[in-house]
Amino acid sequence: MGTGGADPGESAATTAPAGPPWPLPPEQDALLTPEHVEILALCGGAPQSVAEIAAGLDLAIGVVRVLVSDLAEAELVTVTRPVPPAELPDESVLRDVIEGLRAL
């Protein structure tokens, strides 16, 4: 642990891990630092951004990115990437959908 090999994402503010099932197998639990365990507890199955985790643990974002990377390598969290703006629907399409729903 602590190598930071897997990059949890370019956009640290939106990378979201989701926690593992509890309890952890003893061999995995023995390898985790208290900070790793705190991240798993913070996530609790609900996605959290790296920034939210860092704020919750009062740690630097860079440190949390390394810790999340460790957890992702151990397959204890799932890291999702934010949707690039180019892949988001156009605002005019969303406005048309809202207007269509209001007309119902």
Protein backbone atom coordinates (compact mmCIF):
# COMPACT_ATOMS: atom_id res chain seq x y z
CA MET A 1 0.00 0.00 0.00
CA GLY A 2 1.04 3.59 -0.46
CA THR A 3 2.39 3.29 -3.98
CA GLY A 4 -0.37 5.34 -5.58
CA GLY A 5 -0.11 3.26 -8.74
CA ALA A 6 -3.71 3.57 -9.93
CA ASP A 7 -4.64 7.17 -10.66
CA PRO A 8 -8.03 7.92 -9.08
CA GLY A 9 -8.69 10.56 -11.69
CA GLU A 10 -7.61 13.84 -13.14
CA SER A 11 -10.57 15.64 -11.61
CA ALA A 12 -10.04 15.06 -7.90
CA ALA A 13 -13.15 17.01 -7.01
CA THR A 14 -15.47 14.50 -8.69
CA THR A 15 -13.84 11.09 -8.32
CA ALA A 16 -16.17 8.96 -6.22
CA PRO A 17 -15.36 5.68 -4.52
CA ALA A 18 -18.10 3.41 -3.22
CA GLY A 19 -17.32 1.34 -0.14
CA PRO A 20 -16.87 -2.45 0.09
CA PRO A 21 -19.04 -4.98 1.87
CA TRP A 22 -18.28 -5.29 5.58
CA PRO A 23 -16.59 -6.96 7.39
CA LEU A 24 -13.33 -7.06 5.46
CA PRO A 25 -11.43 -10.34 5.20
CA PRO A 26 -8.72 -10.45 7.93
CA GLU A 27 -5.87 -10.50 5.39
CA GLN A 28 -7.11 -7.23 3.84
CA ASP A 29 -7.99 -5.65 7.17
CA ALA A 30 -4.44 -6.24 8.45
CA LEU A 31 -2.95 -4.28 5.51
CA LEU A 32 -5.10 -1.18 5.93
CA THR A 33 -3.94 1.93 7.75
CA PRO A 34 -6.37 3.82 10.00
CA GLU A 35 -6.80 6.36 7.18
CA HIS A 36 -7.81 3.63 4.72
CA VAL A 37 -10.38 2.35 7.21
CA GLU A 38 -11.72 5.89 7.76
CA ILE A 39 -12.15 6.35 4.00
CA LEU A 40 -14.08 3.08 3.75
CA ALA A 41 -16.29 4.11 6.67
CA LEU A 42 -16.87 7.57 5.18
CA CYS A 43 -17.95 6.12 1.85
CA GLY A 44 -20.32 3.62 3.42
CA GLY A 45 -21.57 2.44 0.03
CA ALA A 46 -22.47 5.95 -1.14
CA PRO A 47 -20.23 7.70 -3.67
CA GLN A 48 -18.07 10.48 -2.24
CA SER A 49 -15.78 12.84 -4.09
CA VAL A 50 -12.11 12.90 -3.23
CA ALA A 51 -12.58 16.50 -2.05
CA GLU A 52 -15.38 15.43 0.30
CA ILE A 53 -13.25 12.63 1.72
CA ALA A 54 -10.29 14.99 2.17
CA ALA A 55 -12.46 17.52 3.98
CA GLY A 56 -14.06 14.84 6.16
CA LEU A 57 -10.69 13.46 7.22
CA ASP A 58 -8.87 16.82 7.30
CA LEU A 59 -6.22 15.50 4.90
CA ALA A 60 -4.71 16.98 1.74
CA ILE A 61 -6.40 15.98 -1.52
CA GLY A 62 -3.11 14.54 -2.81
CA VAL A 63 -2.85 12.26 0.21
CA VAL A 64 -6.45 11.12 -0.21
CA ARG A 65 -5.86 10.43 -3.91
CA VAL A 66 -3.00 8.07 -2.99
CA LEU A 67 -5.08 6.37 -0.29
CA VAL A 68 -8.05 5.95 -2.67
CA SER A 69 -5.65 4.59 -5.27
CA ASP A 70 -4.45 1.98 -2.77
CA LEU A 71 -8.04 0.98 -2.02
CA ALA A 72 -8.89 0.78 -5.72
CA GLU A 73 -5.87 -1.47 -6.37
CA ALA A 74 -7.08 -3.73 -3.55
CA GLU A 75 -10.55 -3.67 -5.15
CA LEU A 76 -12.08 -2.28 -1.97
CA VAL A 77 -13.57 0.76 -3.69
CA THR A 78 -14.86 1.51 -7.16
CA VAL A 79 -13.62 4.72 -8.72
CA THR A 80 -15.88 6.43 -11.23
CA ARG A 81 -14.85 9.24 -13.52
CA PRO A 82 -16.93 12.38 -14.04
CA VAL A 83 -18.81 12.67 -17.32
CA PRO A 84 -16.85 14.96 -19.66
CA PRO A 85 -18.78 18.15 -20.53
CA ALA A 86 -18.72 17.19 -24.21
CA GLU A 87 -20.81 14.09 -23.41
CA LEU A 88 -23.45 15.92 -21.38
CA PRO A 89 -26.77 16.71 -23.07
CA ASP A 90 -27.12 20.16 -24.58
CA GLU A 91 -28.85 22.67 -22.31
CA SER A 92 -31.48 23.44 -24.97
CA VAL A 93 -32.46 19.75 -25.08
CA LEU A 94 -32.90 19.71 -21.32
CA ARG A 95 -35.02 22.89 -21.46
CA ASP A 96 -37.23 21.31 -24.16
CA VAL A 97 -37.69 18.21 -21.99
CA ILE A 98 -38.65 20.34 -18.97
CA GLU A 99 -41.12 22.34 -21.04
CA GLY A 100 -42.58 19.12 -22.44
CA LEU A 101 -43.01 17.70 -18.93
CA ARG A 102 -44.67 20.90 -17.74
CA ALA A 103 -47.10 20.69 -20.66
CA LEU A 104 -48.33 17.27 -19.48
